[in-house]
């Protein structure tokens, strides 16, 4: 049987977290991580996604603890609301990706009409490919590696994490940063032409 935790004690923990007290965050994490994980897992049905949600929630708590208002609700209710909201957002995102993959797979199964090659279009496609490859070479190695694994080998973020030994969050961050840099480099190249 777990001891009852007073609401004022949890409010004090959030106050300490707002002052960047890592031990307070650790205490709050130990109290709620399992139950928040259960909620996220129930919504998402994925161990990896549920773990990611719990980490995201506590990361958010660390950043916004000073904005918590005890007049609006208890700490546990606030944590559950954050977890539920993030889980539902992730679920919607995963469902969108699944629909895109399914429609792409269906489109790939259809027999394409015979297309007559247009030399001008072939040149434009080759130029775009060369610009992308050139921009990729200018990315930091760790960003280029995860982008190549995702886009050229078709690995998921979880598979990339397992293959590289990097955390899922690190893989996602490197892909996002790398794609942003690529977009900026390609925008500059388009502007120069």
N, C-alpha and C. Protein backbone atom coordinates (compact mmCIF):
# COMPACT_ATOMS: atom_id res chain seq x y z
N UNK A 1 0.85 -1.18 0.00
CA UNK A 1 0.00 0.00 0.00
C UNK A 1 0.89 1.24 0.00
N UNK A 2 0.62 2.15 -0.96
CA UNK A 2 1.45 3.34 -1.06
C UNK A 2 0.96 4.41 -0.10
N UNK A 3 1.89 5.16 0.50
CA UNK A 3 1.47 6.21 1.43
C UNK A 3 0.76 7.33 0.68
N UNK A 4 -0.18 7.98 1.35
CA UNK A 4 -0.89 9.10 0.75
C UNK A 4 0.07 10.28 0.62
N UNK A 5 -0.02 10.93 -0.48
CA UNK A 5 0.85 12.07 -0.75
C UNK A 5 -0.01 13.31 -0.67
N UNK A 6 0.43 14.26 0.12
CA UNK A 6 -0.39 15.46 0.27
C UNK A 6 -0.25 16.35 -0.96
N UNK A 7 -1.34 17.03 -1.26
CA UNK A 7 -1.34 17.94 -2.40
C UNK A 7 -0.34 19.06 -2.18
N UNK A 8 -0.24 19.56 -0.94
CA UNK A 8 0.70 20.66 -0.68
C UNK A 8 2.14 20.21 -0.90
N UNK A 9 2.43 18.94 -0.58
CA UNK A 9 3.78 18.42 -0.81
C UNK A 9 4.11 18.41 -2.31
N UNK A 10 3.14 18.02 -3.12
CA UNK A 10 3.37 18.00 -4.57
C UNK A 10 3.50 19.41 -5.14
N UNK A 11 2.73 20.34 -4.60
CA UNK A 11 2.86 21.75 -5.04
C UNK A 11 4.25 22.26 -4.68
N UNK A 12 4.73 21.88 -3.49
CA UNK A 12 6.09 22.27 -3.09
C UNK A 12 7.13 21.64 -4.02
N UNK A 13 6.90 20.39 -4.42
CA UNK A 13 7.82 19.75 -5.38
C UNK A 13 7.87 20.55 -6.67
N UNK A 14 6.71 20.96 -7.17
CA UNK A 14 6.69 21.74 -8.41
C UNK A 14 7.39 23.08 -8.23
N UNK A 15 7.27 23.66 -7.05
CA UNK A 15 8.00 24.90 -6.77
C UNK A 15 9.50 24.68 -6.83
N UNK A 16 9.94 23.56 -6.27
CA UNK A 16 11.37 23.23 -6.32
C UNK A 16 11.82 22.96 -7.76
N UNK A 17 10.96 22.29 -8.53
CA UNK A 17 11.29 22.02 -9.93
C UNK A 17 11.40 23.33 -10.70
N UNK A 18 10.51 24.26 -10.40
CA UNK A 18 10.55 25.57 -11.06
C UNK A 18 11.88 26.28 -10.77
N UNK A 19 12.49 25.96 -9.62
CA UNK A 19 13.80 26.53 -9.28
C UNK A 19 14.94 25.62 -9.76
N UNK A 20 14.60 24.69 -10.68
CA UNK A 20 15.57 23.80 -11.32
C UNK A 20 16.20 22.80 -10.35
N UNK A 21 15.41 22.30 -9.40
CA UNK A 21 15.87 21.29 -8.45
C UNK A 21 15.62 19.90 -9.08
N UNK A 22 16.69 19.28 -9.55
CA UNK A 22 16.57 17.99 -10.23
C UNK A 22 16.10 16.88 -9.30
N UNK A 23 16.45 16.96 -8.04
CA UNK A 23 16.01 15.92 -7.11
C UNK A 23 14.49 15.95 -6.95
N UNK A 24 13.90 17.13 -7.01
CA UNK A 24 12.44 17.23 -6.92
C UNK A 24 11.79 16.60 -8.15
N UNK A 25 12.38 16.83 -9.31
CA UNK A 25 11.86 16.21 -10.53
C UNK A 25 11.97 14.69 -10.44
N UNK A 26 13.06 14.22 -9.90
CA UNK A 26 13.27 12.79 -9.74
C UNK A 26 12.21 12.18 -8.81
N UNK A 27 11.89 12.87 -7.74
CA UNK A 27 10.86 12.39 -6.80
C UNK A 27 9.51 12.32 -7.51
N UNK A 28 9.17 13.39 -8.23
CA UNK A 28 7.90 13.42 -8.95
C UNK A 28 7.85 12.32 -10.01
N UNK A 29 8.97 12.13 -10.71
CA UNK A 29 9.06 11.08 -11.72
C UNK A 29 8.83 9.70 -11.08
N UNK A 30 9.50 9.44 -9.97
CA UNK A 30 9.36 8.15 -9.30
C UNK A 30 7.92 7.89 -8.87
N UNK A 31 7.21 8.94 -8.49
CA UNK A 31 5.84 8.78 -8.04
C UNK A 31 4.86 8.52 -9.19
N UNK A 32 5.11 9.13 -10.34
CA UNK A 32 4.08 9.12 -11.39
C UNK A 32 4.47 8.45 -12.71
N UNK A 33 5.72 8.15 -12.93
CA UNK A 33 6.15 7.64 -14.24
C UNK A 33 5.40 6.37 -14.63
N UNK A 34 5.24 5.44 -13.70
CA UNK A 34 4.60 4.16 -14.05
C UNK A 34 3.14 4.35 -14.43
N UNK A 35 2.42 5.13 -13.66
CA UNK A 35 0.99 5.30 -13.96
C UNK A 35 0.80 6.14 -15.23
N UNK A 36 1.68 7.11 -15.47
CA UNK A 36 1.59 7.89 -16.71
C UNK A 36 1.95 7.03 -17.92
N UNK A 37 2.94 6.15 -17.73
CA UNK A 37 3.31 5.21 -18.78
C UNK A 37 2.10 4.32 -19.12
N UNK A 38 1.41 3.83 -18.09
CA UNK A 38 0.25 2.96 -18.32
C UNK A 38 -0.82 3.68 -19.13
N UNK A 39 -1.07 4.93 -18.79
CA UNK A 39 -2.06 5.72 -19.54
C UNK A 39 -1.63 5.89 -21.00
N UNK A 40 -0.37 6.27 -21.20
CA UNK A 40 0.13 6.47 -22.57
C UNK A 40 0.10 5.17 -23.36
N UNK A 41 0.48 4.06 -22.71
CA UNK A 41 0.48 2.77 -23.39
C UNK A 41 -0.94 2.36 -23.76
N UNK A 42 -1.89 2.61 -22.88
CA UNK A 42 -3.27 2.26 -23.16
C UNK A 42 -3.78 3.02 -24.40
N UNK A 43 -3.37 4.26 -24.55
CA UNK A 43 -3.81 5.06 -25.69
C UNK A 43 -3.06 4.66 -26.96
N UNK A 44 -1.74 4.46 -26.85
CA UNK A 44 -0.90 4.26 -28.04
C UNK A 44 -0.64 2.80 -28.39
N UNK A 45 -0.64 1.92 -27.39
CA UNK A 45 -0.38 0.51 -27.65
C UNK A 45 1.05 0.22 -28.06
N UNK A 46 1.98 1.10 -27.72
CA UNK A 46 3.38 0.93 -28.11
C UNK A 46 4.28 1.27 -26.93
N UNK A 47 5.18 0.35 -26.60
CA UNK A 47 6.11 0.57 -25.49
C UNK A 47 6.98 1.79 -25.77
N UNK A 48 7.56 1.85 -26.98
CA UNK A 48 8.47 2.94 -27.33
C UNK A 48 7.77 4.29 -27.29
N UNK A 49 6.58 4.35 -27.88
CA UNK A 49 5.85 5.61 -27.91
C UNK A 49 5.43 6.03 -26.51
N UNK A 50 4.99 5.09 -25.69
CA UNK A 50 4.57 5.41 -24.32
C UNK A 50 5.76 5.94 -23.51
N UNK A 51 6.91 5.29 -23.67
CA UNK A 51 8.11 5.77 -22.97
C UNK A 51 8.46 7.18 -23.41
N UNK A 52 8.37 7.43 -24.70
CA UNK A 52 8.68 8.75 -25.25
C UNK A 52 7.73 9.80 -24.69
N UNK A 53 6.45 9.46 -24.58
CA UNK A 53 5.46 10.39 -24.04
C UNK A 53 5.80 10.75 -22.60
N UNK A 54 6.13 9.74 -21.77
CA UNK A 54 6.45 10.01 -20.36
C UNK A 54 7.66 10.94 -20.27
N UNK A 55 8.67 10.68 -21.08
CA UNK A 55 9.85 11.56 -21.08
C UNK A 55 9.48 12.97 -21.52
N UNK A 56 8.63 13.08 -22.55
CA UNK A 56 8.18 14.39 -23.01
C UNK A 56 7.42 15.14 -21.92
N UNK A 57 6.56 14.43 -21.20
CA UNK A 57 5.76 15.06 -20.15
C UNK A 57 6.68 15.61 -19.06
N UNK A 58 7.63 14.81 -18.60
CA UNK A 58 8.50 15.29 -17.52
C UNK A 58 9.46 16.37 -18.01
N UNK A 59 9.81 16.33 -19.28
CA UNK A 59 10.60 17.41 -19.86
C UNK A 59 9.79 18.70 -19.85
N UNK A 60 8.51 18.59 -20.18
CA UNK A 60 7.63 19.76 -20.16
C UNK A 60 7.45 20.27 -18.73
N UNK A 61 7.28 19.36 -17.78
CA UNK A 61 7.15 19.76 -16.37
C UNK A 61 8.38 20.55 -15.95
N UNK A 62 9.55 20.08 -16.35
CA UNK A 62 10.81 20.76 -16.00
C UNK A 62 10.80 22.18 -16.56
N UNK A 63 10.28 22.35 -17.77
CA UNK A 63 10.31 23.67 -18.42
C UNK A 63 9.22 24.62 -17.92
N UNK A 64 8.07 24.08 -17.55
CA UNK A 64 6.92 24.97 -17.25
C UNK A 64 6.38 24.82 -15.83
N UNK A 65 7.15 24.25 -14.94
CA UNK A 65 6.67 24.02 -13.57
C UNK A 65 6.22 25.33 -12.91
N UNK A 66 6.88 26.43 -13.22
CA UNK A 66 6.51 27.70 -12.58
C UNK A 66 5.12 28.18 -13.01
N UNK A 67 4.60 27.65 -14.10
CA UNK A 67 3.27 28.06 -14.58
C UNK A 67 2.15 27.23 -13.97
N UNK A 68 2.49 26.19 -13.23
CA UNK A 68 1.45 25.37 -12.61
C UNK A 68 0.67 26.22 -11.61
N UNK A 69 -0.65 26.14 -11.69
CA UNK A 69 -1.53 26.89 -10.80
C UNK A 69 -2.36 25.91 -9.97
N UNK A 70 -2.07 25.82 -8.66
CA UNK A 70 -2.80 24.87 -7.82
C UNK A 70 -4.30 25.16 -7.74
N UNK A 71 -4.70 26.38 -8.06
CA UNK A 71 -6.12 26.74 -8.04
C UNK A 71 -6.89 26.06 -9.18
N UNK A 72 -6.18 25.66 -10.23
CA UNK A 72 -6.84 25.07 -11.39
C UNK A 72 -6.94 23.55 -11.32
N UNK A 73 -6.27 22.93 -10.35
CA UNK A 73 -6.36 21.49 -10.23
C UNK A 73 -5.16 20.90 -9.51
N UNK A 74 -5.29 19.64 -9.15
CA UNK A 74 -4.22 18.94 -8.45
C UNK A 74 -3.07 18.61 -9.40
N UNK A 75 -1.91 18.37 -8.82
CA UNK A 75 -0.71 18.04 -9.60
C UNK A 75 -0.93 16.76 -10.40
N UNK A 76 -1.50 15.73 -9.77
CA UNK A 76 -1.68 14.48 -10.50
C UNK A 76 -2.64 14.65 -11.67
N UNK A 77 -3.69 15.45 -11.50
CA UNK A 77 -4.63 15.70 -12.60
C UNK A 77 -3.92 16.43 -13.74
N UNK A 78 -3.06 17.37 -13.38
CA UNK A 78 -2.30 18.12 -14.39
C UNK A 78 -1.39 17.18 -15.18
N UNK A 79 -0.70 16.28 -14.47
CA UNK A 79 0.19 15.33 -15.13
C UNK A 79 -0.60 14.38 -16.05
N UNK A 80 -1.75 13.92 -15.57
CA UNK A 80 -2.59 13.05 -16.41
C UNK A 80 -3.07 13.78 -17.65
N UNK A 81 -3.46 15.05 -17.49
CA UNK A 81 -3.93 15.83 -18.63
C UNK A 81 -2.80 16.01 -19.66
N UNK A 82 -1.59 16.32 -19.17
CA UNK A 82 -0.45 16.47 -20.08
C UNK A 82 -0.18 15.17 -20.83
N UNK A 83 -0.22 14.06 -20.11
CA UNK A 83 0.06 12.75 -20.72
C UNK A 83 -1.01 12.39 -21.73
N UNK A 84 -2.26 12.58 -21.36
CA UNK A 84 -3.37 12.26 -22.26
C UNK A 84 -3.30 13.11 -23.53
N UNK A 85 -3.07 14.41 -23.37
CA UNK A 85 -3.00 15.31 -24.53
C UNK A 85 -1.87 14.91 -25.48
N UNK A 86 -0.69 14.69 -24.90
CA UNK A 86 0.45 14.30 -25.74
C UNK A 86 0.23 12.95 -26.41
N UNK A 87 -0.37 12.03 -25.69
CA UNK A 87 -0.63 10.69 -26.25
C UNK A 87 -1.62 10.77 -27.40
N UNK A 88 -2.68 11.55 -27.22
CA UNK A 88 -3.66 11.69 -28.30
C UNK A 88 -3.07 12.40 -29.51
N UNK A 89 -2.24 13.42 -29.27
CA UNK A 89 -1.57 14.09 -30.39
C UNK A 89 -0.68 13.11 -31.15
N UNK A 90 0.08 12.29 -30.40
CA UNK A 90 0.97 11.32 -31.04
C UNK A 90 0.16 10.28 -31.80
N UNK A 91 -0.96 9.85 -31.22
CA UNK A 91 -1.82 8.86 -31.88
C UNK A 91 -2.34 9.41 -33.20
N UNK A 92 -2.80 10.65 -33.19
CA UNK A 92 -3.28 11.27 -34.44
C UNK A 92 -2.16 11.35 -35.47
N UNK A 93 -0.98 11.71 -35.02
CA UNK A 93 0.17 11.80 -35.92
C UNK A 93 0.50 10.44 -36.51
N UNK A 94 0.51 9.41 -35.67
CA UNK A 94 0.80 8.05 -36.15
C UNK A 94 -0.27 7.58 -37.13
N UNK A 95 -1.51 7.91 -36.87
CA UNK A 95 -2.60 7.52 -37.77
C UNK A 95 -2.45 8.21 -39.12
N UNK A 96 -2.03 9.48 -39.11
CA UNK A 96 -1.81 10.20 -40.37
C UNK A 96 -0.70 9.53 -41.17
N UNK A 97 0.40 9.20 -40.48
CA UNK A 97 1.53 8.55 -41.16
C UNK A 97 1.09 7.20 -41.73
N UNK A 98 0.31 6.44 -40.95
CA UNK A 98 -0.17 5.14 -41.41
C UNK A 98 -1.02 5.30 -42.67
N UNK A 99 -1.91 6.29 -42.67
CA UNK A 99 -2.75 6.52 -43.86
C UNK A 99 -1.89 6.88 -45.08
N UNK A 100 -0.88 7.70 -44.87
CA UNK A 100 0.00 8.10 -45.97
C UNK A 100 0.75 6.89 -46.52
N UNK A 101 1.28 6.06 -45.61
CA UNK A 101 2.02 4.86 -46.03
C UNK A 101 1.09 3.92 -46.79
N UNK A 102 -0.12 3.72 -46.26
CA UNK A 102 -1.06 2.82 -46.92
C UNK A 102 -1.42 3.33 -48.31
N UNK A 103 -1.69 4.64 -48.42
CA UNK A 103 -2.06 5.17 -49.74
C UNK A 103 -0.87 5.11 -50.70
N UNK A 104 0.35 5.33 -50.17
CA UNK A 104 1.54 5.23 -51.02
C UNK A 104 1.75 3.79 -51.49
N UNK A 105 1.51 2.85 -50.58
CA UNK A 105 1.66 1.44 -50.94
C UNK A 105 0.65 1.05 -52.00
N UNK A 106 -0.58 1.51 -51.84
CA UNK A 106 -1.61 1.23 -52.85
C UNK A 106 -1.25 1.87 -54.19
N UNK A 107 -0.75 3.08 -54.14
CA UNK A 107 -0.37 3.76 -55.38
C UNK A 107 0.78 3.03 -56.07
N UNK A 108 1.70 2.49 -55.27
CA UNK A 108 2.83 1.77 -55.84
C UNK A 108 2.40 0.46 -56.50
N UNK A 109 1.28 -0.11 -56.03
CA UNK A 109 0.80 -1.37 -56.59
C UNK A 109 0.11 -1.18 -57.94
N UNK A 110 -0.38 0.01 -58.19
CA UNK A 110 -1.07 0.25 -59.45
C UNK A 110 -0.06 0.25 -60.59
N UNK A 111 -0.51 -0.19 -61.72
CA UNK A 111 0.37 -0.25 -62.88
C UNK A 111 0.42 1.14 -63.51
N UNK A 112 1.60 1.72 -63.56
CA UNK A 112 1.69 3.06 -64.12
C UNK A 112 1.49 3.05 -65.64
N UNK A 113 0.95 4.12 -66.13
CA UNK A 113 0.82 4.29 -67.57
C UNK A 113 2.23 4.46 -68.15
N UNK A 114 2.42 3.98 -69.34
CA UNK A 114 3.72 4.12 -69.98
C UNK A 114 3.97 5.61 -70.19
N UNK A 115 5.11 6.06 -69.69
CA UNK A 115 5.43 7.47 -69.81
C UNK A 115 6.59 7.63 -70.78
N UNK A 116 6.43 8.59 -71.63
CA UNK A 116 7.51 8.91 -72.55
C UNK A 116 8.44 9.86 -71.83
N UNK A 117 9.70 9.54 -71.83
CA UNK A 117 10.68 10.34 -71.12
C UNK A 117 10.83 11.71 -71.78
N UNK A 118 10.81 12.73 -70.94
CA UNK A 118 11.02 14.10 -71.40
C UNK A 118 12.44 14.49 -71.04
N UNK A 119 13.31 14.73 -72.02
CA UNK A 119 14.72 15.03 -71.72
C UNK A 119 14.89 16.24 -70.80
N UNK A 120 14.05 17.25 -70.95
CA UNK A 120 14.15 18.43 -70.09
C UNK A 120 13.85 18.07 -68.65
N UNK A 121 12.81 17.26 -68.46
CA UNK A 121 12.46 16.84 -67.10
C UNK A 121 13.54 15.97 -66.51
N UNK A 122 14.13 15.09 -67.32
CA UNK A 122 15.22 14.25 -66.83
C UNK A 122 16.40 15.10 -66.35
N UNK A 123 16.72 16.15 -67.08
CA UNK A 123 17.83 17.03 -66.70
C UNK A 123 17.51 17.73 -65.38
N UNK A 124 16.26 18.22 -65.24
CA UNK A 124 15.85 18.90 -64.00
C UNK A 124 15.91 17.95 -62.81
N UNK A 125 15.45 16.73 -63.00
CA UNK A 125 15.48 15.74 -61.92
C UNK A 125 16.92 15.44 -61.52
N UNK A 126 17.80 15.28 -62.51
CA UNK A 126 19.21 15.01 -62.22
C UNK A 126 19.86 16.19 -61.49
N UNK A 127 19.51 17.42 -61.89
CA UNK A 127 20.07 18.60 -61.22
C UNK A 127 19.60 18.66 -59.76
N UNK A 128 18.32 18.39 -59.53
CA UNK A 128 17.78 18.40 -58.16
C UNK A 128 18.47 17.34 -57.31
N UNK A 129 18.63 16.13 -57.89
CA UNK A 129 19.29 15.05 -57.16
C UNK A 129 20.71 15.46 -56.78
N UNK A 130 21.45 16.05 -57.74
CA UNK A 130 22.83 16.47 -57.47
C UNK A 130 22.89 17.53 -56.38
N UNK A 131 21.91 18.48 -56.38
CA UNK A 131 21.88 19.51 -55.34
C UNK A 131 21.61 18.91 -53.97
N UNK A 132 20.69 17.95 -53.92
CA UNK A 132 20.37 17.31 -52.64
C UNK A 132 21.58 16.53 -52.14
N UNK A 133 22.22 15.77 -53.02
CA UNK A 133 23.39 14.99 -52.61
C UNK A 133 24.53 15.90 -52.15
N UNK A 134 24.71 17.02 -52.84
CA UNK A 134 25.74 17.98 -52.45
C UNK A 134 25.43 18.57 -51.07
N UNK A 135 24.18 18.93 -50.86
CA UNK A 135 23.77 19.48 -49.56
C UNK A 135 23.94 18.42 -48.46
N UNK A 136 23.59 17.17 -48.77
CA UNK A 136 23.73 16.09 -47.78
C UNK A 136 25.19 15.97 -47.33
N UNK A 137 26.14 16.13 -48.26
CA UNK A 137 27.55 15.99 -47.92
C UNK A 137 28.01 17.09 -46.96
N UNK A 138 27.29 18.22 -46.92
CA UNK A 138 27.66 19.32 -46.04
C UNK A 138 27.06 19.21 -44.65
N UNK A 139 26.20 18.22 -44.45
CA UNK A 139 25.61 18.01 -43.12
C UNK A 139 26.63 17.37 -42.19
N UNK A 140 26.51 17.63 -40.88
CA UNK A 140 27.35 16.89 -39.92
C UNK A 140 27.10 15.39 -40.08
N UNK A 141 28.13 14.60 -39.89
CA UNK A 141 28.07 13.16 -40.13
C UNK A 141 26.92 12.49 -39.38
N UNK A 142 26.71 12.86 -38.09
CA UNK A 142 25.68 12.19 -37.30
C UNK A 142 24.27 12.49 -37.84
N UNK A 143 24.05 13.67 -38.42
CA UNK A 143 22.75 14.00 -39.00
C UNK A 143 22.59 13.30 -40.36
N UNK A 144 23.66 13.30 -41.15
CA UNK A 144 23.60 12.66 -42.46
C UNK A 144 23.32 11.16 -42.31
N UNK A 145 23.98 10.53 -41.33
CA UNK A 145 23.82 9.10 -41.12
C UNK A 145 22.36 8.73 -40.84
N UNK A 146 21.71 9.43 -39.91
CA UNK A 146 20.33 9.06 -39.56
C UNK A 146 19.36 9.38 -40.70
N UNK A 147 19.61 10.44 -41.45
CA UNK A 147 18.75 10.77 -42.59
C UNK A 147 18.89 9.70 -43.67
N UNK A 148 20.11 9.26 -43.92
CA UNK A 148 20.31 8.21 -44.93
C UNK A 148 19.64 6.91 -44.50
N UNK A 149 19.74 6.57 -43.22
CA UNK A 149 19.08 5.36 -42.73
C UNK A 149 17.57 5.46 -42.87
N UNK A 150 17.02 6.64 -42.61
CA UNK A 150 15.57 6.82 -42.68
C UNK A 150 15.08 6.87 -44.12
N UNK A 151 15.74 7.65 -44.96
CA UNK A 151 15.19 7.90 -46.29
C UNK A 151 15.74 6.99 -47.38
N UNK A 152 16.95 6.51 -47.23
CA UNK A 152 17.50 5.63 -48.26
C UNK A 152 17.31 4.16 -47.93
N UNK A 153 17.34 3.84 -46.62
CA UNK A 153 17.15 2.44 -46.24
C UNK A 153 15.75 2.18 -45.69
N UNK A 154 14.97 3.24 -45.49
CA UNK A 154 13.58 3.08 -45.06
C UNK A 154 13.40 2.61 -43.63
N UNK A 155 14.40 2.84 -42.78
CA UNK A 155 14.29 2.41 -41.38
C UNK A 155 13.42 3.37 -40.59
N UNK A 156 12.71 2.84 -39.61
CA UNK A 156 11.92 3.68 -38.71
C UNK A 156 12.86 4.32 -37.70
N UNK A 157 12.34 5.31 -36.95
CA UNK A 157 13.16 5.95 -35.92
C UNK A 157 13.62 4.93 -34.89
N UNK A 158 12.74 4.01 -34.51
CA UNK A 158 13.09 2.98 -33.52
C UNK A 158 14.19 2.08 -34.08
N UNK A 159 14.08 1.68 -35.35
CA UNK A 159 15.11 0.83 -35.95
C UNK A 159 16.45 1.56 -36.04
N UNK A 160 16.40 2.86 -36.36
CA UNK A 160 17.64 3.65 -36.43
C UNK A 160 18.27 3.72 -35.04
N UNK A 161 17.44 3.92 -34.02
CA UNK A 161 17.94 3.97 -32.64
C UNK A 161 18.64 2.67 -32.29
N UNK A 162 18.03 1.55 -32.63
CA UNK A 162 18.63 0.24 -32.34
C UNK A 162 19.93 0.05 -33.12
N UNK A 163 19.94 0.45 -34.38
CA UNK A 163 21.11 0.24 -35.24
C UNK A 163 22.30 1.11 -34.81
N UNK A 164 22.01 2.36 -34.42
CA UNK A 164 23.09 3.29 -34.08
C UNK A 164 23.45 3.29 -32.60
N UNK A 165 22.57 2.73 -31.77
CA UNK A 165 22.81 2.75 -30.33
C UNK A 165 22.51 4.09 -29.68
N UNK A 166 21.86 4.98 -30.42
CA UNK A 166 21.48 6.30 -29.90
C UNK A 166 20.05 6.24 -29.40
N UNK A 167 19.71 7.11 -28.45
CA UNK A 167 18.35 7.12 -27.93
C UNK A 167 17.38 7.57 -29.01
N UNK A 168 16.11 7.18 -28.85
CA UNK A 168 15.08 7.54 -29.82
C UNK A 168 14.97 9.05 -29.95
N UNK A 169 15.03 9.75 -28.83
CA UNK A 169 14.95 11.22 -28.86
C UNK A 169 16.11 11.83 -29.64
N UNK A 170 17.32 11.28 -29.45
CA UNK A 170 18.50 11.77 -30.17
C UNK A 170 18.33 11.55 -31.67
N UNK A 171 17.84 10.38 -32.06
CA UNK A 171 17.63 10.08 -33.48
C UNK A 171 16.64 11.08 -34.08
N UNK A 172 15.52 11.29 -33.40
CA UNK A 172 14.50 12.21 -33.91
C UNK A 172 15.04 13.63 -34.02
N UNK A 173 15.80 14.05 -33.02
CA UNK A 173 16.37 15.39 -33.03
C UNK A 173 17.35 15.55 -34.18
N UNK A 174 18.20 14.55 -34.38
CA UNK A 174 19.20 14.64 -35.47
C UNK A 174 18.52 14.68 -36.83
N UNK A 175 17.47 13.90 -37.01
CA UNK A 175 16.75 13.92 -38.29
C UNK A 175 16.12 15.29 -38.50
N UNK A 176 15.46 15.80 -37.46
CA UNK A 176 14.79 17.10 -37.58
C UNK A 176 15.81 18.21 -37.89
N UNK A 177 16.92 18.24 -37.14
CA UNK A 177 17.94 19.26 -37.38
C UNK A 177 18.54 19.13 -38.78
N UNK A 178 18.83 17.89 -39.18
CA UNK A 178 19.42 17.67 -40.50
C UNK A 178 18.49 18.10 -41.62
N UNK A 179 17.20 17.76 -41.50
CA UNK A 179 16.24 18.16 -42.54
C UNK A 179 16.08 19.67 -42.59
N UNK A 180 16.11 20.32 -41.42
CA UNK A 180 16.02 21.79 -41.41
C UNK A 180 17.23 22.41 -42.11
N UNK A 181 18.43 21.87 -41.83
CA UNK A 181 19.63 22.38 -42.49
C UNK A 181 19.58 22.14 -43.99
N UNK A 182 19.12 20.95 -44.40
CA UNK A 182 18.99 20.66 -45.83
C UNK A 182 18.05 21.65 -46.50
N UNK A 183 16.90 21.87 -45.85
CA UNK A 183 15.92 22.80 -46.41
C UNK A 183 16.52 24.19 -46.57
N UNK A 184 17.27 24.65 -45.56
CA UNK A 184 17.89 25.97 -45.64
C UNK A 184 18.93 26.02 -46.76
N UNK A 185 19.76 24.97 -46.86
CA UNK A 185 20.78 24.95 -47.92
C UNK A 185 20.14 24.94 -49.30
N UNK A 186 19.08 24.15 -49.46
CA UNK A 186 18.43 24.06 -50.77
C UNK A 186 17.69 25.35 -51.10
N UNK A 187 17.12 26.02 -50.10
CA UNK A 187 16.48 27.33 -50.33
C UNK A 187 17.50 28.34 -50.80
N UNK A 188 18.71 28.32 -50.20
CA UNK A 188 19.77 29.25 -50.60
C UNK A 188 20.19 28.95 -52.03
N UNK A 189 20.32 27.65 -52.39
CA UNK A 189 20.70 27.29 -53.76
C UNK A 189 19.63 27.73 -54.75
N UNK A 190 18.34 27.57 -54.40
CA UNK A 190 17.27 28.00 -55.28
C UNK A 190 17.31 29.51 -55.49
N UNK A 191 17.63 30.23 -54.40
CA UNK A 191 17.66 31.68 -54.48
C UNK A 191 18.80 32.16 -55.36
N UNK A 192 19.93 31.44 -55.32
CA UNK A 192 21.10 31.83 -56.10
C UNK A 192 20.89 31.61 -57.60
N UNK A 193 20.00 30.70 -57.95
CA UNK A 193 19.82 30.39 -59.37
C UNK A 193 18.93 31.39 -60.07
